All heavy atoms as atom14 arrays in JSON, in Angstrom:
{
  "sequence": "AVAGQAVVWYTGQFYALFFLEKMLMVDGASANILIAVALALGTPFFI",
  "atom14_mask": [
    [1, 1, 1, 1, 1, 0, 0, 0, 0, 0, 0, 0, 0, 0],
    [1, 1, 1, 1, 1, 1, 1, 0, 0, 0, 0, 0, 0, 0],
    [1, 1, 1, 1, 1, 0, 0, 0, 0, 0, 0, 0, 0, 0],
    [1, 1, 1, 1, 0, 0, 0, 0, 0, 0, 0, 0, 0, 0],
    [1, 1, 1, 1, 1, 1, 1, 1, 1, 0, 0, 0, 0, 0],
    [1, 1, 1, 1, 1, 0, 0, 0, 0, 0, 0, 0, 0, 0],
    [1, 1, 1, 1, 1, 1, 1, 0, 0, 0, 0, 0, 0, 0],
    [1, 1, 1, 1, 1, 1, 1, 0, 0, 0, 0, 0, 0, 0],
    [1, 1, 1, 1, 1, 1, 1, 1, 1, 1, 1, 1, 1, 1],
    [1, 1, 1, 1, 1, 1, 1, 1, 1, 1, 1, 1, 0, 0],
    [1, 1, 1, 1, 1, 1, 1, 0, 0, 0, 0, 0, 0, 0],
    [1, 1, 1, 1, 0, 0, 0, 0, 0, 0, 0, 0, 0, 0],
    [1, 1, 1, 1, 1, 1, 1, 1, 1, 0, 0, 0, 0, 0],
    [1, 1, 1, 1, 1, 1, 1, 1, 1, 1, 1, 0, 0, 0],
    [1, 1, 1, 1, 1, 1, 1, 1, 1, 1, 1, 1, 0, 0],
    [1, 1, 1, 1, 1, 0, 0, 0, 0, 0, 0, 0, 0, 0],
    [1, 1, 1, 1, 1, 1, 1, 1, 0, 0, 0, 0, 0, 0],
    [1, 1, 1, 1, 1, 1, 1, 1, 1, 1, 1, 0, 0, 0],
    [1, 1, 1, 1, 1, 1, 1, 1, 1, 1, 1, 0, 0, 0],
    [1, 1, 1, 1, 1, 1, 1, 1, 0, 0, 0, 0, 0, 0],
    [1, 1, 1, 1, 1, 1, 1, 1, 1, 0, 0, 0, 0, 0],
    [1, 1, 1, 1, 1, 1, 1, 1, 1, 0, 0, 0, 0, 0],
    [1, 1, 1, 1, 1, 1, 1, 1, 0, 0, 0, 0, 0, 0],
    [1, 1, 1, 1, 1, 1, 1, 1, 0, 0, 0, 0, 0, 0],
    [1, 1, 1, 1, 1, 1, 1, 1, 0, 0, 0, 0, 0, 0],
    [1, 1, 1, 1, 1, 1, 1, 0, 0, 0, 0, 0, 0, 0],
    [1, 1, 1, 1, 1, 1, 1, 1, 0, 0, 0, 0, 0, 0],
    [1, 1, 1, 1, 0, 0, 0, 0, 0, 0, 0, 0, 0, 0],
    [1, 1, 1, 1, 1, 0, 0, 0, 0, 0, 0, 0, 0, 0],
    [1, 1, 1, 1, 1, 1, 0, 0, 0, 0, 0, 0, 0, 0],
    [1, 1, 1, 1, 1, 0, 0, 0, 0, 0, 0, 0, 0, 0],
    [1, 1, 1, 1, 1, 1, 1, 1, 0, 0, 0, 0, 0, 0],
    [1, 1, 1, 1, 1, 1, 1, 1, 0, 0, 0, 0, 0, 0],
    [1, 1, 1, 1, 1, 1, 1, 1, 0, 0, 0, 0, 0, 0],
    [1, 1, 1, 1, 1, 1, 1, 1, 0, 0, 0, 0, 0, 0],
    [1, 1, 1, 1, 1, 0, 0, 0, 0, 0, 0, 0, 0, 0],
    [1, 1, 1, 1, 1, 1, 1, 0, 0, 0, 0, 0, 0, 0],
    [1, 1, 1, 1, 1, 0, 0, 0, 0, 0, 0, 0, 0, 0],
    [1, 1, 1, 1, 1, 1, 1, 1, 0, 0, 0, 0, 0, 0],
    [1, 1, 1, 1, 1, 0, 0, 0, 0, 0, 0, 0, 0, 0],
    [1, 1, 1, 1, 1, 1, 1, 1, 0, 0, 0, 0, 0, 0],
    [1, 1, 1, 1, 0, 0, 0, 0, 0, 0, 0, 0, 0, 0],
    [1, 1, 1, 1, 1, 1, 1, 0, 0, 0, 0, 0, 0, 0],
    [1, 1, 1, 1, 1, 1, 1, 0, 0, 0, 0, 0, 0, 0],
    [1, 1, 1, 1, 1, 1, 1, 1, 1, 1, 1, 0, 0, 0],
    [1, 1, 1, 1, 1, 1, 1, 1, 1, 1, 1, 0, 0, 0],
    [1, 1, 1, 1, 1, 1, 1, 1, 0, 0, 0, 0, 0, 0]
  ],
  "atom14_positions": [
    [[-30.91, 14.53, -19.62], [-31.39, 15.1, -18.35], [-31.3, 14.09, -17.21], [-30.62, 14.32, -16.21], [-32.82, 15.6, -18.5], [0.0, 0.0, 0.0], [0.0, 0.0, 0.0], [0.0, 0.0, 0.0], [0.0, 0.0, 0.0], [0.0, 0.0, 0.0], [0.0, 0.0, 0.0], [0.0, 0.0, 0.0], [0.0, 0.0, 0.0], [0.0, 0.0, 0.0]],
    [[-31.99, 12.94, -17.36], [-32.2, 12.06, -16.21], [-30.92, 11.34, -15.79], [-30.67, 11.16, -14.59], [-33.31, 11.03, -16.51], [-33.54, 10.14, -15.3], [-34.6, 11.75, -16.89], [0.0, 0.0, 0.0], [0.0, 0.0, 0.0], [0.0, 0.0, 0.0], [0.0, 0.0, 0.0], [0.0, 0.0, 0.0], [0.0, 0.0, 0.0], [0.0, 0.0, 0.0]],
    [[-30.09, 10.89, -16.74], [-28.88, 10.15, -16.37], [-27.98, 11.0, -15.47], [-27.5, 10.54, -14.42], [-28.13, 9.7, -17.61], [0.0, 0.0, 0.0], [0.0, 0.0, 0.0], [0.0, 0.0, 0.0], [0.0, 0.0, 0.0], [0.0, 0.0, 0.0], [0.0, 0.0, 0.0], [0.0, 0.0, 0.0], [0.0, 0.0, 0.0], [0.0, 0.0, 0.0]],
    [[-27.75, 12.24, -15.87], [-26.93, 13.13, -15.05], [-27.58, 13.44, -13.72], [-26.93, 13.45, -12.67], [0.0, 0.0, 0.0], [0.0, 0.0, 0.0], [0.0, 0.0, 0.0], [0.0, 0.0, 0.0], [0.0, 0.0, 0.0], [0.0, 0.0, 0.0], [0.0, 0.0, 0.0], [0.0, 0.0, 0.0], [0.0, 0.0, 0.0], [0.0, 0.0, 0.0]],
    [[-28.89, 13.71, -13.76], [-29.62, 13.96, -12.51], [-29.48, 12.79, -11.55], [-29.26, 12.97, -10.34], [-31.1, 14.19, -12.83], [-32.03, 14.13, -11.65], [-32.7, 12.76, -11.5], [-33.39, 12.31, -12.4], [-32.49, 12.1, -10.38], [0.0, 0.0, 0.0], [0.0, 0.0, 0.0], [0.0, 0.0, 0.0], [0.0, 0.0, 0.0], [0.0, 0.0, 0.0]],
    [[-29.54, 11.58, -12.07], [-29.5, 10.38, -11.22], [-28.15, 10.22, -10.53], [-28.08, 9.96, -9.32], [-29.82, 9.14, -12.07], [0.0, 0.0, 0.0], [0.0, 0.0, 0.0], [0.0, 0.0, 0.0], [0.0, 0.0, 0.0], [0.0, 0.0, 0.0], [0.0, 0.0, 0.0], [0.0, 0.0, 0.0], [0.0, 0.0, 0.0], [0.0, 0.0, 0.0]],
    [[-27.06, 10.36, -11.29], [-25.75, 10.15, -10.65], [-25.42, 11.27, -9.68], [-24.75, 11.04, -8.67], [-24.63, 9.98, -11.7], [-24.86, 8.74, -12.54], [-24.48, 11.2, -12.6], [0.0, 0.0, 0.0], [0.0, 0.0, 0.0], [0.0, 0.0, 0.0], [0.0, 0.0, 0.0], [0.0, 0.0, 0.0], [0.0, 0.0, 0.0], [0.0, 0.0, 0.0]],
    [[-25.92, 12.48, -9.93], [-25.72, 13.56, -8.97], [-26.49, 13.26, -7.68], [-25.97, 13.45, -6.57], [-26.17, 14.92, -9.57], [-26.16, 16.02, -8.5], [-25.25, 15.31, -10.72], [0.0, 0.0, 0.0], [0.0, 0.0, 0.0], [0.0, 0.0, 0.0], [0.0, 0.0, 0.0], [0.0, 0.0, 0.0], [0.0, 0.0, 0.0], [0.0, 0.0, 0.0]],
    [[-27.7, 12.76, -7.84], [-28.52, 12.43, -6.66], [-27.83, 11.38, -5.79], [-27.69, 11.55, -4.58], [-29.9, 11.92, -7.11], [-30.97, 12.09, -6.09], [-31.92, 13.07, -6.04], [-31.24, 11.25, -4.96], [-32.73, 12.89, -4.95], [-32.34, 11.78, -4.26], [-30.64, 10.1, -4.45], [-32.85, 11.22, -3.11], [-31.14, 9.52, -3.29], [-32.24, 10.08, -2.64]],
    [[-27.39, 10.3, -6.41], [-26.83, 9.2, -5.62], [-25.41, 9.5, -5.13], [-25.0, 8.98, -4.09], [-26.89, 7.89, -6.42], [-28.32, 7.41, -6.49], [-29.12, 7.69, -7.59], [-28.89, 6.74, -5.42], [-30.44, 7.3, -7.63], [-30.22, 6.35, -5.45], [-30.99, 6.64, -6.56], [-32.31, 6.26, -6.59], [0.0, 0.0, 0.0], [0.0, 0.0, 0.0]],
    [[-24.67, 10.32, -5.86], [-23.36, 10.72, -5.36], [-23.51, 11.64, -4.16], [-22.82, 11.47, -3.15], [-22.56, 11.45, -6.45], [-22.4, 10.59, -7.58], [-21.18, 11.84, -5.94], [0.0, 0.0, 0.0], [0.0, 0.0, 0.0], [0.0, 0.0, 0.0], [0.0, 0.0, 0.0], [0.0, 0.0, 0.0], [0.0, 0.0, 0.0], [0.0, 0.0, 0.0]],
    [[-24.43, 12.59, -4.25], [-24.58, 13.59, -3.2], [-25.18, 13.08, -1.92], [-25.0, 13.69, -0.87], [0.0, 0.0, 0.0], [0.0, 0.0, 0.0], [0.0, 0.0, 0.0], [0.0, 0.0, 0.0], [0.0, 0.0, 0.0], [0.0, 0.0, 0.0], [0.0, 0.0, 0.0], [0.0, 0.0, 0.0], [0.0, 0.0, 0.0], [0.0, 0.0, 0.0]],
    [[-25.87, 11.95, -1.97], [-26.53, 11.46, -0.77], [-26.01, 10.08, -0.36], [-25.44, 9.92, 0.72], [-28.05, 11.49, -0.97], [-28.5, 12.93, -1.21], [-30.0, 13.1, -1.31], [-30.59, 13.91, -0.62], [-30.64, 12.37, -2.19], [0.0, 0.0, 0.0], [0.0, 0.0, 0.0], [0.0, 0.0, 0.0], [0.0, 0.0, 0.0], [0.0, 0.0, 0.0]],
    [[-26.11, 9.09, -1.21], [-25.68, 7.75, -0.81], [-24.18, 7.54, -0.9], [-23.56, 7.02, 0.02], [-26.42, 6.68, -1.62], [-27.74, 6.35, -1.02], [-28.9, 6.81, -1.59], [-27.83, 5.61, 0.14], [-30.12, 6.54, -1.02], [-29.04, 5.34, 0.72], [-30.2, 5.79, 0.13], [0.0, 0.0, 0.0], [0.0, 0.0, 0.0], [0.0, 0.0, 0.0]],
    [[-23.58, 7.92, -2.03], [-22.15, 7.68, -2.15], [-21.38, 8.48, -1.1], [-20.38, 8.0, -0.55], [-21.65, 8.02, -3.56], [-20.22, 7.58, -3.78], [-19.9, 6.24, -3.95], [-19.18, 8.51, -3.8], [-18.59, 5.83, -4.13], [-17.87, 8.1, -3.99], [-17.59, 6.76, -4.16], [-16.29, 6.35, -4.33], [0.0, 0.0, 0.0], [0.0, 0.0, 0.0]],
    [[-21.84, 9.69, -0.82], [-21.19, 10.5, 0.22], [-21.25, 9.79, 1.57], [-20.27, 9.78, 2.33], [-21.86, 11.86, 0.31], [0.0, 0.0, 0.0], [0.0, 0.0, 0.0], [0.0, 0.0, 0.0], [0.0, 0.0, 0.0], [0.0, 0.0, 0.0], [0.0, 0.0, 0.0], [0.0, 0.0, 0.0], [0.0, 0.0, 0.0], [0.0, 0.0, 0.0]],
    [[-22.38, 9.16, 1.87], [-22.52, 8.42, 3.13], [-21.59, 7.22, 3.16], [-20.86, 6.99, 4.14], [-23.97, 7.97, 3.32], [-24.25, 7.09, 4.53], [-23.96, 7.83, 5.83], [-25.69, 6.59, 4.51], [0.0, 0.0, 0.0], [0.0, 0.0, 0.0], [0.0, 0.0, 0.0], [0.0, 0.0, 0.0], [0.0, 0.0, 0.0], [0.0, 0.0, 0.0]],
    [[-21.59, 6.44, 2.08], [-20.71, 5.26, 2.03], [-19.24, 5.68, 2.09], [-18.42, 5.0, 2.71], [-20.96, 4.46, 0.75], [-22.35, 3.9, 0.64], [-22.94, 3.67, -0.6], [-23.09, 3.59, 1.77], [-24.21, 3.14, -0.7], [-24.37, 3.08, 1.68], [-24.92, 2.84, 0.44], [0.0, 0.0, 0.0], [0.0, 0.0, 0.0], [0.0, 0.0, 0.0]],
    [[-18.9, 6.78, 1.44], [-17.52, 7.27, 1.43], [-17.08, 7.63, 2.85], [-15.95, 7.3, 3.26], [-17.43, 8.48, 0.51], [-16.02, 8.94, 0.23], [-15.28, 8.37, -0.77], [-15.46, 9.97, 0.98], [-13.98, 8.8, -1.04], [-14.17, 10.41, 0.74], [-13.42, 9.83, -0.28], [0.0, 0.0, 0.0], [0.0, 0.0, 0.0], [0.0, 0.0, 0.0]],
    [[-17.95, 8.29, 3.58], [-17.62, 8.64, 4.97], [-17.36, 7.39, 5.81], [-16.4, 7.33, 6.58], [-18.76, 9.44, 5.6], [-18.89, 10.92, 5.22], [-20.19, 11.49, 5.78], [-17.69, 11.72, 5.73], [0.0, 0.0, 0.0], [0.0, 0.0, 0.0], [0.0, 0.0, 0.0], [0.0, 0.0, 0.0], [0.0, 0.0, 0.0], [0.0, 0.0, 0.0]],
    [[-18.22, 6.39, 5.65], [-18.12, 5.2, 6.49], [-16.98, 4.28, 6.07], [-16.19, 3.84, 6.89], [-19.44, 4.42, 6.46], [-20.58, 5.08, 7.21], [-21.76, 4.15, 7.4], [-21.56, 3.02, 7.85], [-22.89, 4.55, 7.06], [0.0, 0.0, 0.0], [0.0, 0.0, 0.0], [0.0, 0.0, 0.0], [0.0, 0.0, 0.0], [0.0, 0.0, 0.0]],
    [[-16.92, 3.95, 4.78], [-15.98, 2.92, 4.32], [-14.6, 3.46, 4.01], [-13.6, 2.79, 4.28], [-16.54, 2.24, 3.06], [-17.81, 1.45, 3.31], [-17.57, 0.27, 4.27], [-16.74, -0.82, 3.65], [-16.62, -2.01, 4.52], [0.0, 0.0, 0.0], [0.0, 0.0, 0.0], [0.0, 0.0, 0.0], [0.0, 0.0, 0.0], [0.0, 0.0, 0.0]],
    [[-14.49, 4.64, 3.45], [-13.2, 5.18, 3.04], [-12.56, 6.05, 4.12], [-11.36, 6.0, 4.34], [-13.33, 5.98, 1.74], [-13.86, 5.18, 0.59], [-12.86, 3.68, 0.31], [-13.88, 2.85, -0.9], [0.0, 0.0, 0.0], [0.0, 0.0, 0.0], [0.0, 0.0, 0.0], [0.0, 0.0, 0.0], [0.0, 0.0, 0.0], [0.0, 0.0, 0.0]],
    [[-13.38, 6.87, 4.77], [-12.85, 7.78, 5.78], [-13.02, 7.24, 7.19], [-12.58, 7.87, 8.14], [-13.53, 9.16, 5.65], [-13.43, 9.8, 4.26], [-14.01, 11.2, 4.29], [-11.99, 9.82, 3.77], [0.0, 0.0, 0.0], [0.0, 0.0, 0.0], [0.0, 0.0, 0.0], [0.0, 0.0, 0.0], [0.0, 0.0, 0.0], [0.0, 0.0, 0.0]],
    [[-13.68, 6.09, 7.32], [-13.78, 5.36, 8.58], [-14.43, 6.18, 9.7], [-14.08, 6.07, 10.87], [-12.41, 4.85, 9.0], [-11.85, 3.83, 8.04], [-10.08, 3.52, 8.23], [-9.36, 5.03, 7.57], [0.0, 0.0, 0.0], [0.0, 0.0, 0.0], [0.0, 0.0, 0.0], [0.0, 0.0, 0.0], [0.0, 0.0, 0.0], [0.0, 0.0, 0.0]],
    [[-15.39, 7.02, 9.31], [-16.23, 7.72, 10.3], [-17.26, 6.72, 10.8], [-17.84, 5.96, 10.01], [-16.91, 8.94, 9.66], [-17.86, 9.62, 10.64], [-15.86, 9.92, 9.14], [0.0, 0.0, 0.0], [0.0, 0.0, 0.0], [0.0, 0.0, 0.0], [0.0, 0.0, 0.0], [0.0, 0.0, 0.0], [0.0, 0.0, 0.0], [0.0, 0.0, 0.0]],
    [[-17.51, 6.7, 12.11], [-18.46, 5.72, 12.63], [-19.86, 5.97, 12.05], [-20.22, 7.11, 11.72], [-18.51, 5.75, 14.15], [-19.15, 7.02, 14.69], [-18.44, 8.04, 14.82], [-20.36, 6.99, 14.97], [0.0, 0.0, 0.0], [0.0, 0.0, 0.0], [0.0, 0.0, 0.0], [0.0, 0.0, 0.0], [0.0, 0.0, 0.0], [0.0, 0.0, 0.0]],
    [[-20.63, 4.88, 11.93], [-21.92, 4.93, 11.24], [-22.88, 5.95, 11.8], [-23.54, 6.68, 11.05], [0.0, 0.0, 0.0], [0.0, 0.0, 0.0], [0.0, 0.0, 0.0], [0.0, 0.0, 0.0], [0.0, 0.0, 0.0], [0.0, 0.0, 0.0], [0.0, 0.0, 0.0], [0.0, 0.0, 0.0], [0.0, 0.0, 0.0], [0.0, 0.0, 0.0]],
    [[-22.97, 6.04, 13.13], [-23.91, 6.98, 13.74], [-23.54, 8.42, 13.41], [-24.4, 9.24, 13.05], [-23.95, 6.77, 15.25], [0.0, 0.0, 0.0], [0.0, 0.0, 0.0], [0.0, 0.0, 0.0], [0.0, 0.0, 0.0], [0.0, 0.0, 0.0], [0.0, 0.0, 0.0], [0.0, 0.0, 0.0], [0.0, 0.0, 0.0], [0.0, 0.0, 0.0]],
    [[-22.26, 8.75, 13.49], [-21.82, 10.12, 13.18], [-22.05, 10.45, 11.71], [-22.48, 11.56, 11.37], [-20.34, 10.29, 13.52], [-20.11, 10.12, 14.9], [0.0, 0.0, 0.0], [0.0, 0.0, 0.0], [0.0, 0.0, 0.0], [0.0, 0.0, 0.0], [0.0, 0.0, 0.0], [0.0, 0.0, 0.0], [0.0, 0.0, 0.0], [0.0, 0.0, 0.0]],
    [[-21.75, 9.49, 10.84], [-21.95, 9.71, 9.4], [-23.43, 9.97, 9.11], [-23.77, 10.86, 8.32], [-21.45, 8.51, 8.61], [0.0, 0.0, 0.0], [0.0, 0.0, 0.0], [0.0, 0.0, 0.0], [0.0, 0.0, 0.0], [0.0, 0.0, 0.0], [0.0, 0.0, 0.0], [0.0, 0.0, 0.0], [0.0, 0.0, 0.0], [0.0, 0.0, 0.0]],
    [[-24.31, 9.21, 9.74], [-25.75, 9.4, 9.55], [-26.19, 10.8, 9.99], [-26.97, 11.47, 9.31], [-26.54, 8.35, 10.33], [-26.48, 6.99, 9.69], [-26.12, 6.85, 8.53], [-26.83, 5.97, 10.45], [0.0, 0.0, 0.0], [0.0, 0.0, 0.0], [0.0, 0.0, 0.0], [0.0, 0.0, 0.0], [0.0, 0.0, 0.0], [0.0, 0.0, 0.0]],
    [[-25.67, 11.24, 11.12], [-26.05, 12.55, 11.64], [-25.55, 13.66, 10.72], [-26.28, 14.62, 10.42], [-25.5, 12.75, 13.07], [-26.23, 11.8, 14.04], [-25.66, 14.2, 13.52], [-25.61, 11.76, 15.43], [0.0, 0.0, 0.0], [0.0, 0.0, 0.0], [0.0, 0.0, 0.0], [0.0, 0.0, 0.0], [0.0, 0.0, 0.0], [0.0, 0.0, 0.0]],
    [[-24.33, 13.55, 10.24], [-23.76, 14.56, 9.35], [-24.58, 14.68, 8.06], [-24.88, 15.78, 7.6], [-22.31, 14.22, 9.03], [-21.32, 14.36, 10.19], [-19.98, 13.7, 9.83], [-21.1, 15.83, 10.54], [0.0, 0.0, 0.0], [0.0, 0.0, 0.0], [0.0, 0.0, 0.0], [0.0, 0.0, 0.0], [0.0, 0.0, 0.0], [0.0, 0.0, 0.0]],
    [[-24.94, 13.53, 7.49], [-25.75, 13.54, 6.27], [-27.13, 14.13, 6.56], [-27.67, 14.91, 5.77], [-25.9, 12.11, 5.71], [-24.56, 11.62, 5.16], [-26.97, 12.05, 4.62], [-24.14, 12.24, 3.85], [0.0, 0.0, 0.0], [0.0, 0.0, 0.0], [0.0, 0.0, 0.0], [0.0, 0.0, 0.0], [0.0, 0.0, 0.0], [0.0, 0.0, 0.0]],
    [[-27.71, 13.77, 7.72], [-29.04, 14.27, 8.07], [-29.05, 15.79, 8.19], [-29.98, 16.47, 7.73], [-29.52, 13.63, 9.37], [0.0, 0.0, 0.0], [0.0, 0.0, 0.0], [0.0, 0.0, 0.0], [0.0, 0.0, 0.0], [0.0, 0.0, 0.0], [0.0, 0.0, 0.0], [0.0, 0.0, 0.0], [0.0, 0.0, 0.0], [0.0, 0.0, 0.0]],
    [[-28.01, 16.36, 8.78], [-27.94, 17.81, 8.92], [-27.84, 18.47, 7.55], [-28.52, 19.46, 7.26], [-26.73, 18.21, 9.8], [-26.54, 19.73, 9.78], [-26.93, 17.72, 11.23], [0.0, 0.0, 0.0], [0.0, 0.0, 0.0], [0.0, 0.0, 0.0], [0.0, 0.0, 0.0], [0.0, 0.0, 0.0], [0.0, 0.0, 0.0], [0.0, 0.0, 0.0]],
    [[-27.0, 17.9, 6.67], [-26.86, 18.46, 5.32], [-28.18, 18.38, 4.56], [-28.54, 19.32, 3.83], [-25.76, 17.72, 4.57], [0.0, 0.0, 0.0], [0.0, 0.0, 0.0], [0.0, 0.0, 0.0], [0.0, 0.0, 0.0], [0.0, 0.0, 0.0], [0.0, 0.0, 0.0], [0.0, 0.0, 0.0], [0.0, 0.0, 0.0], [0.0, 0.0, 0.0]],
    [[-28.89, 17.29, 4.71], [-30.18, 17.15, 4.04], [-31.18, 18.18, 4.56], [-31.95, 18.76, 3.78], [-30.75, 15.74, 4.25], [-30.01, 14.59, 3.56], [-30.64, 13.26, 3.92], [-30.0, 14.78, 2.05], [0.0, 0.0, 0.0], [0.0, 0.0, 0.0], [0.0, 0.0, 0.0], [0.0, 0.0, 0.0], [0.0, 0.0, 0.0], [0.0, 0.0, 0.0]],
    [[-31.18, 18.4, 5.86], [-32.1, 19.39, 6.44], [-31.8, 20.79, 5.91], [-32.72, 21.57, 5.62], [-31.99, 19.36, 7.97], [0.0, 0.0, 0.0], [0.0, 0.0, 0.0], [0.0, 0.0, 0.0], [0.0, 0.0, 0.0], [0.0, 0.0, 0.0], [0.0, 0.0, 0.0], [0.0, 0.0, 0.0], [0.0, 0.0, 0.0], [0.0, 0.0, 0.0]],
    [[-30.53, 21.11, 5.75], [-30.15, 22.43, 5.24], [-30.46, 22.57, 3.75], [-30.84, 23.64, 3.27], [-28.66, 22.67, 5.47], [-28.21, 22.8, 6.93], [-26.69, 22.87, 7.02], [-28.83, 24.04, 7.57], [0.0, 0.0, 0.0], [0.0, 0.0, 0.0], [0.0, 0.0, 0.0], [0.0, 0.0, 0.0], [0.0, 0.0, 0.0], [0.0, 0.0, 0.0]],
    [[-30.3, 21.49, 3.0], [-30.43, 21.58, 1.56], [-31.82, 21.37, 1.01], [-32.14, 21.88, -0.08], [0.0, 0.0, 0.0], [0.0, 0.0, 0.0], [0.0, 0.0, 0.0], [0.0, 0.0, 0.0], [0.0, 0.0, 0.0], [0.0, 0.0, 0.0], [0.0, 0.0, 0.0], [0.0, 0.0, 0.0], [0.0, 0.0, 0.0], [0.0, 0.0, 0.0]],
    [[-32.66, 20.65, 1.72], [-33.97, 20.26, 1.18], [-34.84, 21.43, 0.71], [-35.5, 21.33, -0.33], [-34.73, 19.4, 2.21], [-34.03, 18.16, 2.36], [-36.15, 19.1, 1.75], [0.0, 0.0, 0.0], [0.0, 0.0, 0.0], [0.0, 0.0, 0.0], [0.0, 0.0, 0.0], [0.0, 0.0, 0.0], [0.0, 0.0, 0.0], [0.0, 0.0, 0.0]],
    [[-34.89, 22.56, 1.41], [-35.73, 23.67, 0.9], [-35.37, 24.13, -0.51], [-36.21, 24.73, -1.2], [-35.49, 24.79, 1.93], [-35.08, 24.08, 3.18], [-34.31, 22.89, 2.72], [0.0, 0.0, 0.0], [0.0, 0.0, 0.0], [0.0, 0.0, 0.0], [0.0, 0.0, 0.0], [0.0, 0.0, 0.0], [0.0, 0.0, 0.0], [0.0, 0.0, 0.0]],
    [[-34.16, 23.84, -0.95], [-33.75, 24.29, -2.27], [-34.39, 23.47, -3.4], [-34.37, 23.91, -4.55], [-32.23, 24.29, -2.38], [-31.59, 25.42, -1.6], [-31.26, 25.24, -0.27], [-31.38, 26.65, -2.2], [-30.7, 26.28, 0.47], [-30.82, 27.69, -1.48], [-30.48, 27.51, -0.14], [0.0, 0.0, 0.0], [0.0, 0.0, 0.0], [0.0, 0.0, 0.0]],
    [[-34.95, 22.32, -3.09], [-35.77, 21.63, -4.09], [-36.93, 22.54, -4.51], [-37.23, 22.67, -5.7], [-36.36, 20.32, -3.53], [-35.38, 19.2, -3.41], [-34.93, 18.78, -2.17], [-34.92, 18.54, -4.53], [-34.04, 17.73, -2.05], [-34.04, 17.49, -4.43], [-33.58, 17.08, -3.18], [0.0, 0.0, 0.0], [0.0, 0.0, 0.0], [0.0, 0.0, 0.0]],
    [[-37.57, 23.15, -3.51], [-38.69, 24.05, -3.79], [-38.2, 25.29, -4.53], [-38.83, 25.74, -5.5], [-39.37, 24.47, -2.47], [-39.68, 23.24, -1.59], [-40.63, 25.27, -2.76], [-40.6, 22.26, -2.2], [0.0, 0.0, 0.0], [0.0, 0.0, 0.0], [0.0, 0.0, 0.0], [0.0, 0.0, 0.0], [0.0, 0.0, 0.0], [0.0, 0.0, 0.0]]
  ]
}
């Protein structure tokens, strides 16, 4: 359970952010905003 849950969590939030910045060369501020919007849309689904 937990190992899979953990890598999904960090891939979906942190690795996606690093990928945008380091690999796709999106500027840091824009990458932060894009991730923030996705988090706002997705967070209710935890409940």
